[in-house]
Amino acid sequence: MNPFAEKLLKMVDGLNFKDFVAFLSAFSAKASIEPKASLIFRVYDSNGNGKVTFNDVIEVLSDMTGSFMTAEQRE
């Protein structure tokens, strides 16, 4: 499975219905920028500490590009 898809599935694991609907609403074309930005932030905040670090970004790029990019290219 795609690591990015796995990350999204982990984000919805254990959500109640209301939170699940809120999560899905971020994917709507009608959604405002806030839920979309919040979702993207949570994807990049790999360890859930409320901060996006350089290493978090590198981890997401690694998940998304796999073997198509070297570590040097990602940095």
PDB file of N, CA and C in Angstrom:
ATOM      1  N   MET A   1       0.846  -1.183   0.000  1.00  0.00           N
ATOM      2  CA  MET A   1       0.000   0.000   0.000  1.00  0.00           C
ATOM      3  C   MET A   1       0.889   1.244   0.000  1.00  0.00           C
ATOM      4  N   ASN A   2       0.421   2.279  -0.641  1.00  0.00           N
ATOM      5  CA  ASN A   2       1.101   3.562  -0.673  1.00  0.00           C
ATOM      6  C   ASN A   2       1.255   4.099   0.753  1.00  0.00           C
ATOM      7  N   PRO A   3       2.463   4.500   1.170  1.00  0.00           N
ATOM      8  CA  PRO A   3       2.663   5.015   2.530  1.00  0.00           C
ATOM      9  C   PRO A   3       1.816   6.247   2.826  1.00  0.00           C
ATOM     10  N   PHE A   4       1.563   7.072   1.814  1.00  0.00           N
ATOM     11  CA  PHE A   4       0.723   8.248   2.011  1.00  0.00           C
ATOM     12  C   PHE A   4      -0.708   7.828   2.338  1.00  0.00           C
ATOM     13  N   ALA A   5      -1.215   6.832   1.632  1.00  0.00           N
ATOM     14  CA  ALA A   5      -2.559   6.315   1.895  1.00  0.00           C
ATOM     15  C   ALA A   5      -2.622   5.693   3.284  1.00  0.00           C
ATOM     16  N   GLU A   6      -1.567   4.987   3.673  1.00  0.00           N
ATOM     17  CA  GLU A   6      -1.512   4.408   5.019  1.00  0.00           C
ATOM     18  C   GLU A   6      -1.606   5.492   6.077  1.00  0.00           C
ATOM     19  N   LYS A   7      -0.906   6.597   5.851  1.00  0.00           N
ATOM     20  CA  LYS A   7      -0.925   7.705   6.809  1.00  0.00           C
ATOM     21  C   LYS A   7      -2.334   8.272   6.946  1.00  0.00           C
ATOM     22  N   LEU A   8      -3.033   8.428   5.819  1.00  0.00           N
ATOM     23  CA  LEU A   8      -4.408   8.921   5.867  1.00  0.00           C
ATOM     24  C   LEU A   8      -5.320   7.940   6.594  1.00  0.00           C
ATOM     25  N   LEU A   9      -5.137   6.651   6.356  1.00  0.00           N
ATOM     26  CA  LEU A   9      -5.958   5.650   7.043  1.00  0.00           C
ATOM     27  C   LEU A   9      -5.716   5.669   8.546  1.00  0.00           C
ATOM     28  N   LYS A  10      -4.475   5.871   8.957  1.00  0.00           N
ATOM     29  CA  LYS A  10      -4.177   5.961  10.390  1.00  0.00           C
ATOM     30  C   LYS A  10      -4.844   7.179  11.009  1.00  0.00           C
ATOM     31  N   MET A  11      -4.966   8.256  10.224  1.00  0.00           N
ATOM     32  CA  MET A  11      -5.590   9.471  10.737  1.00  0.00           C
ATOM     33  C   MET A  11      -7.073   9.276  11.018  1.00  0.00           C
ATOM     34  N   VAL A  12      -7.743   8.395  10.276  1.00  0.00           N
ATOM     35  CA  VAL A  12      -9.176   8.187  10.484  1.00  0.00           C
ATOM     36  C   VAL A  12      -9.463   7.043  11.449  1.00  0.00           C
ATOM     37  N   ASP A  13      -8.454   6.283  11.800  1.00  0.00           N
ATOM     38  CA  ASP A  13      -8.639   5.143  12.701  1.00  0.00           C
ATOM     39  C   ASP A  13      -9.158   5.614  14.054  1.00  0.00           C
ATOM     40  N   GLY A  14     -10.304   5.118  14.446  1.00  0.00           N
ATOM     41  CA  GLY A  14     -10.869   5.430  15.753  1.00  0.00           C
ATOM     42  C   GLY A  14     -11.716   6.692  15.800  1.00  0.00           C
ATOM     43  N   LEU A  15     -11.931   7.352  14.664  1.00  0.00           N
ATOM     44  CA  LEU A  15     -12.760   8.554  14.662  1.00  0.00           C
ATOM     45  C   LEU A  15     -14.228   8.182  14.828  1.00  0.00           C
ATOM     46  N   ASN A  16     -14.962   9.023  15.555  1.00  0.00           N
ATOM     47  CA  ASN A  16     -16.404   8.829  15.599  1.00  0.00           C
ATOM     48  C   ASN A  16     -16.998   9.382  14.301  1.00  0.00           C
ATOM     49  N   PHE A  17     -18.281   9.181  14.097  1.00  0.00           N
ATOM     50  CA  PHE A  17     -18.907   9.561  12.829  1.00  0.00           C
ATOM     51  C   PHE A  17     -18.754  11.047  12.538  1.00  0.00           C
ATOM     52  N   LYS A  18     -18.992  11.884  13.533  1.00  0.00           N
ATOM     53  CA  LYS A  18     -18.911  13.336  13.348  1.00  0.00           C
ATOM     54  C   LYS A  18     -17.504  13.749  12.903  1.00  0.00           C
ATOM     55  N   ASP A  19     -16.484  13.226  13.568  1.00  0.00           N
ATOM     56  CA  ASP A  19     -15.106  13.566  13.218  1.00  0.00           C
ATOM     57  C   ASP A  19     -14.716  12.989  11.859  1.00  0.00           C
ATOM     58  N   PHE A  20     -15.252  11.813  11.534  1.00  0.00           N
ATOM     59  CA  PHE A  20     -14.988  11.200  10.232  1.00  0.00           C
ATOM     60  C   PHE A  20     -15.561  12.061   9.107  1.00  0.00           C
ATOM     61  N   VAL A  21     -16.784  12.547   9.284  1.00  0.00           N
ATOM     62  CA  VAL A  21     -17.408  13.416   8.283  1.00  0.00           C
ATOM     63  C   VAL A  21     -16.609  14.714   8.155  1.00  0.00           C
ATOM     64  N   ALA A  22     -16.161  15.258   9.277  1.00  0.00           N
ATOM     65  CA  ALA A  22     -15.343  16.475   9.235  1.00  0.00           C
ATOM     66  C   ALA A  22     -14.041  16.223   8.484  1.00  0.00           C
ATOM     67  N   PHE A  23     -13.440  15.060   8.715  1.00  0.00           N
ATOM     68  CA  PHE A  23     -12.207  14.694   8.010  1.00  0.00           C
ATOM     69  C   PHE A  23     -12.458  14.629   6.508  1.00  0.00           C
ATOM     70  N   LEU A  24     -13.524  13.947   6.108  1.00  0.00           N
ATOM     71  CA  LEU A  24     -13.840  13.806   4.686  1.00  0.00           C
ATOM     72  C   LEU A  24     -14.195  15.137   4.036  1.00  0.00           C
ATOM     73  N   SER A  25     -14.786  16.052   4.803  1.00  0.00           N
ATOM     74  CA  SER A  25     -15.201  17.330   4.225  1.00  0.00           C
ATOM     75  C   SER A  25     -14.017  18.136   3.710  1.00  0.00           C
ATOM     76  N   ALA A  26     -12.827  17.881   4.233  1.00  0.00           N
ATOM     77  CA  ALA A  26     -11.637  18.599   3.763  1.00  0.00           C
ATOM     78  C   ALA A  26     -11.339  18.282   2.302  1.00  0.00           C
ATOM     79  N   PHE A  27     -11.836  17.170   1.808  1.00  0.00           N
ATOM     80  CA  PHE A  27     -11.601  16.777   0.419  1.00  0.00           C
ATOM     81  C   PHE A  27     -12.627  17.369  -0.548  1.00  0.00           C
ATOM     82  N   SER A  28     -13.634  18.033  -0.016  1.00  0.00           N
ATOM     83  CA  SER A  28     -14.679  18.617  -0.848  1.00  0.00           C
ATOM     84  C   SER A  28     -14.162  19.863  -1.570  1.00  0.00           C
ATOM     85  N   ALA A  29     -14.597  20.033  -2.809  1.00  0.00           N
ATOM     86  CA  ALA A  29     -14.230  21.238  -3.561  1.00  0.00           C
ATOM     87  C   ALA A  29     -14.829  22.485  -2.920  1.00  0.00           C
ATOM     88  N   LYS A  30     -15.921  22.306  -2.174  1.00  0.00           N
ATOM     89  CA  LYS A  30     -16.589  23.438  -1.528  1.00  0.00           C
ATOM     90  C   LYS A  30     -15.987  23.792  -0.169  1.00  0.00           C
ATOM     91  N   ALA A  31     -15.076  22.985   0.321  1.00  0.00           N
ATOM     92  CA  ALA A  31     -14.486  23.224   1.643  1.00  0.00           C
ATOM     93  C   ALA A  31     -13.629  24.481   1.620  1.00  0.00           C
ATOM     94  N   SER A  32     -13.640  25.196   2.741  1.00  0.00           N
ATOM     95  CA  SER A  32     -12.786  26.378   2.854  1.00  0.00           C
ATOM     96  C   SER A  32     -11.334  25.936   2.998  1.00  0.00           C
ATOM     97  N   ILE A  33     -10.442  26.880   2.961  1.00  0.00           N
ATOM     98  CA  ILE A  33      -9.014  26.572   3.029  1.00  0.00           C
ATOM     99  C   ILE A  33      -8.618  26.018   4.407  1.00  0.00           C
ATOM    100  N   GLU A  34      -9.316  26.414   5.464  1.00  0.00           N
ATOM    101  CA  GLU A  34      -8.922  26.001   6.815  1.00  0.00           C
ATOM    102  C   GLU A  34      -8.914  24.487   7.022  1.00  0.00           C
ATOM    103  N   PRO A  35      -9.987  23.759   6.697  1.00  0.00           N
ATOM    104  CA  PRO A  35      -9.920  22.303   6.896  1.00  0.00           C
ATOM    105  C   PRO A  35      -8.897  21.632   5.991  1.00  0.00           C
ATOM    106  N   LYS A  36      -8.707  22.177   4.802  1.00  0.00           N
ATOM    107  CA  LYS A  36      -7.712  21.609   3.893  1.00  0.00           C
ATOM    108  C   LYS A  36      -6.309  21.820   4.444  1.00  0.00           C
ATOM    109  N   ALA A  37      -6.034  23.036   4.920  1.00  0.00           N
ATOM    110  CA  ALA A  37      -4.717  23.334   5.487  1.00  0.00           C
ATOM    111  C   ALA A  37      -4.477  22.516   6.749  1.00  0.00           C
ATOM    112  N   SER A  38      -5.512  22.349   7.556  1.00  0.00           N
ATOM    113  CA  SER A  38      -5.390  21.550   8.777  1.00  0.00           C
ATOM    114  C   SER A  38      -5.051  20.100   8.454  1.00  0.00           C
ATOM    115  N   LEU A  39      -5.714  19.547   7.458  1.00  0.00           N
ATOM    116  CA  LEU A  39      -5.447  18.166   7.054  1.00  0.00           C
ATOM    117  C   LEU A  39      -4.021  18.021   6.535  1.00  0.00           C
ATOM    118  N   ILE A  40      -3.607  18.935   5.682  1.00  0.00           N
ATOM    119  CA  ILE A  40      -2.246  18.869   5.141  1.00  0.00           C
ATOM    120  C   ILE A  40      -1.224  19.000   6.260  1.00  0.00           C
ATOM    121  N   PHE A  41      -1.479  19.898   7.218  1.00  0.00           N
ATOM    122  CA  PHE A  41      -0.563  20.051   8.349  1.00  0.00           C
ATOM    123  C   PHE A  41      -0.442  18.741   9.121  1.00  0.00           C
ATOM    124  N   ARG A  42      -1.580  18.091   9.370  1.00  0.00           N
ATOM    125  CA  ARG A  42      -1.545  16.826  10.116  1.00  0.00           C
ATOM    126  C   ARG A  42      -0.814  15.736   9.350  1.00  0.00           C
ATOM    127  N   VAL A  43      -0.899  15.761   8.025  1.00  0.00           N
ATOM    128  CA  VAL A  43      -0.160  14.789   7.217  1.00  0.00           C
ATOM    129  C   VAL A  43       1.337  15.019   7.372  1.00  0.00           C
ATOM    130  N   TYR A  44       1.748  16.274   7.334  1.00  0.00           N
ATOM    131  CA  TYR A  44       3.177  16.587   7.427  1.00  0.00           C
ATOM    132  C   TYR A  44       3.712  16.481   8.849  1.00  0.00           C
ATOM    133  N   ASP A  45       2.866  16.656   9.850  1.00  0.00           N
ATOM    134  CA  ASP A  45       3.294  16.549  11.253  1.00  0.00           C
ATOM    135  C   ASP A  45       3.398  15.066  11.612  1.00  0.00           C
ATOM    136  N   SER A  46       4.464  14.447  11.152  1.00  0.00           N
ATOM    137  CA  SER A  46       4.616  12.987  11.229  1.00  0.00           C
ATOM    138  C   SER A  46       4.508  12.423  12.634  1.00  0.00           C
ATOM    139  N   ASN A  47       5.082  13.122  13.611  1.00  0.00           N
ATOM    140  CA  ASN A  47       5.077  12.581  14.972  1.00  0.00           C
ATOM    141  C   ASN A  47       3.959  13.157  15.837  1.00  0.00           C
ATOM    142  N   GLY A  48       3.122  14.012  15.276  1.00  0.00           N
ATOM    143  CA  GLY A  48       1.974  14.535  16.001  1.00  0.00           C
ATOM    144  C   GLY A  48       2.306  15.509  17.108  1.00  0.00           C
ATOM    145  N   ASN A  49       3.455  16.184  17.022  1.00  0.00           N
ATOM    146  CA  ASN A  49       3.852  17.099  18.091  1.00  0.00           C
ATOM    147  C   ASN A  49       3.367  18.528  17.871  1.00  0.00           C
ATOM    148  N   GLY A  50       2.591  18.763  16.812  1.00  0.00           N
ATOM    149  CA  GLY A  50       2.068  20.096  16.556  1.00  0.00           C
ATOM    150  C   GLY A  50       3.024  21.000  15.811  1.00  0.00           C
ATOM    151  N   LYS A  51       4.119  20.442  15.319  1.00  0.00           N
ATOM    152  CA  LYS A  51       5.110  21.214  14.570  1.00  0.00           C
ATOM    153  C   LYS A  51       5.509  20.436  13.327  1.00  0.00           C
ATOM    154  N   VAL A  52       5.794  21.154  12.259  1.00  0.00           N
ATOM    155  CA  VAL A  52       6.299  20.525  11.045  1.00  0.00           C
ATOM    156  C   VAL A  52       7.764  20.908  10.917  1.00  0.00           C
ATOM    157  N   THR A  53       8.621  19.912  11.025  1.00  0.00           N
ATOM    158  CA  THR A  53      10.061  20.141  10.954  1.00  0.00           C
ATOM    159  C   THR A  53      10.590  19.745   9.580  1.00  0.00           C
ATOM    160  N   PHE A  54      11.831  20.074   9.345  1.00  0.00           N
ATOM    161  CA  PHE A  54      12.502  19.675   8.109  1.00  0.00           C
ATOM    162  C   PHE A  54      12.426  18.160   7.947  1.00  0.00           C
ATOM    163  N   ASN A  55      12.685  17.433   9.029  1.00  0.00           N
ATOM    164  CA  ASN A  55      12.647  15.966   8.970  1.00  0.00           C
ATOM    165  C   ASN A  55      11.249  15.448   8.648  1.00  0.00           C
ATOM    166  N   ASP A  56      10.212  16.127   9.151  1.00  0.00           N
ATOM    167  CA  ASP A  56       8.837  15.738   8.824  1.00  0.00           C
ATOM    168  C   ASP A  56       8.591  15.868   7.322  1.00  0.00           C
ATOM    169  N   VAL A  57       9.047  16.966   6.743  1.00  0.00           N
ATOM    170  CA  VAL A  57       8.861  17.193   5.310  1.00  0.00           C
ATOM    171  C   VAL A  57       9.619  16.145   4.502  1.00  0.00           C
ATOM    172  N   ILE A  58      10.851  15.852   4.917  1.00  0.00           N
ATOM    173  CA  ILE A  58      11.651  14.840   4.229  1.00  0.00           C
ATOM    174  C   ILE A  58      10.962  13.479   4.305  1.00  0.00           C
ATOM    175  N   GLU A  59      10.376  13.158   5.461  1.00  0.00           N
ATOM    176  CA  GLU A  59       9.677  11.872   5.611  1.00  0.00           C
ATOM    177  C   GLU A  59       8.489  11.772   4.658  1.00  0.00           C
ATOM    178  N   VAL A  60       7.712  12.842   4.552  1.00  0.00           N
ATOM    179  CA  VAL A  60       6.562  12.836   3.642  1.00  0.00           C
ATOM    180  C   VAL A  60       7.030  12.730   2.194  1.00  0.00           C
ATOM    181  N   LEU A  61       8.058  13.482   1.835  1.00  0.00           N
ATOM    182  CA  LEU A  61       8.595  13.383   0.474  1.00  0.00           C
ATOM    183  C   LEU A  61       9.083  11.974   0.177  1.00  0.00           C
ATOM    184  N   SER A  62       9.708  11.359   1.158  1.00  0.00           N
ATOM    185  CA  SER A  62      10.184   9.987   0.993  1.00  0.00           C
ATOM    186  C   SER A  62       9.010   9.037   0.775  1.00  0.00           C
ATOM    187  N   ASP A  63       7.945   9.222   1.566  1.00  0.00           N
ATOM    188  CA  ASP A  63       6.748   8.388   1.406  1.00  0.00           C
ATOM    189  C   ASP A  63       6.134   8.564   0.020  1.00  0.00           C
ATOM    190  N   MET A  64       6.110   9.794  -0.463  1.00  0.00           N
ATOM    191  CA  MET A  64       5.448  10.086  -1.728  1.00  0.00           C
ATOM    192  C   MET A  64       6.286   9.707  -2.945  1.00  0.00           C
ATOM    193  N   THR A  65       7.602   9.802  -2.834  1.00  0.00           N
ATOM    194  CA  THR A  65       8.448   9.563  -4.005  1.00  0.00           C
ATOM    195  C   THR A  65       9.084   8.189  -4.018  1.00  0.00           C
ATOM    196  N   GLY A  66       9.167   7.541  -2.857  1.00  0.00           N
ATOM    197  CA  GLY A  66       9.763   6.213  -2.785  1.00  0.00           C
ATOM    198  C   GLY A  66      11.158   6.207  -3.360  1.00  0.00           C
ATOM    199  N   SER A  67      11.410   5.290  -4.256  1.00  0.00           N
ATOM    200  CA  SER A  67      12.747   5.149  -4.822  1.00  0.00           C
ATOM    201  C   SER A  67      12.976   6.052  -6.034  1.00  0.00           C
ATOM    202  N   PHE A  68      11.998   6.890  -6.373  1.00  0.00           N
ATOM    203  CA  PHE A  68      12.155   7.767  -7.529  1.00  0.00           C
ATOM    204  C   PHE A  68      13.113   8.923  -7.266  1.00  0.00           C
ATOM    205  N   MET A  69      13.339   9.248  -5.996  1.00  0.00           N
ATOM    206  CA  MET A  69      14.261  10.326  -5.638  1.00  0.00           C
ATOM    207  C   MET A  69      15.245   9.821  -4.603  1.00  0.00           C
ATOM    208  N   THR A  70      16.462  10.289  -4.707  1.00  0.00           N
ATOM    209  CA  THR A  70      17.457   9.947  -3.692  1.00  0.00           C
ATOM    210  C   THR A  70      17.274  10.867  -2.494  1.00  0.00           C
ATOM    211  N   ALA A  71      17.862  10.497  -1.375  1.00  0.00           N
ATOM    212  CA  ALA A  71      17.806  11.335  -0.176  1.00  0.00           C
ATOM    213  C   ALA A  71      18.395  12.714  -0.461  1.00  0.00           C
ATOM    214  N   GLU A  72      19.444  12.755  -1.255  1.00  0.00           N
ATOM    215  CA  GLU A  72      20.075  14.032  -1.587  1.00  0.00           C
ATOM    216  C   GLU A  72      19.125  14.921  -2.398  1.00  0.00           C
ATOM    217  N   GLN A  73      18.383  14.330  -3.316  1.00  0.00           N
ATOM    218  CA  GLN A  73      17.430  15.103  -4.113  1.00  0.00           C
ATOM    219  C   GLN A  73      16.302  15.642  -3.244  1.00  0.00           C
ATOM    220  N   ARG A  74      15.871  14.869  -2.255  1.00  0.00           N
ATOM    221  CA  ARG A  74      14.795  15.317  -1.371  1.00  0.00           C
ATOM    222  C   ARG A  74      15.235  16.508  -0.542  1.00  0.00           C
ATOM    223  N   GLU A  75      16.499  16.497  -0.116  1.00  0.00           N
ATOM    224  CA  GLU A  75      17.003  17.594   0.711  1.00  0.00           C
ATOM    225  C   GLU A  75      17.284  18.795  -0.150  1.00  0.00           C
TER     226      GLU A  75
END
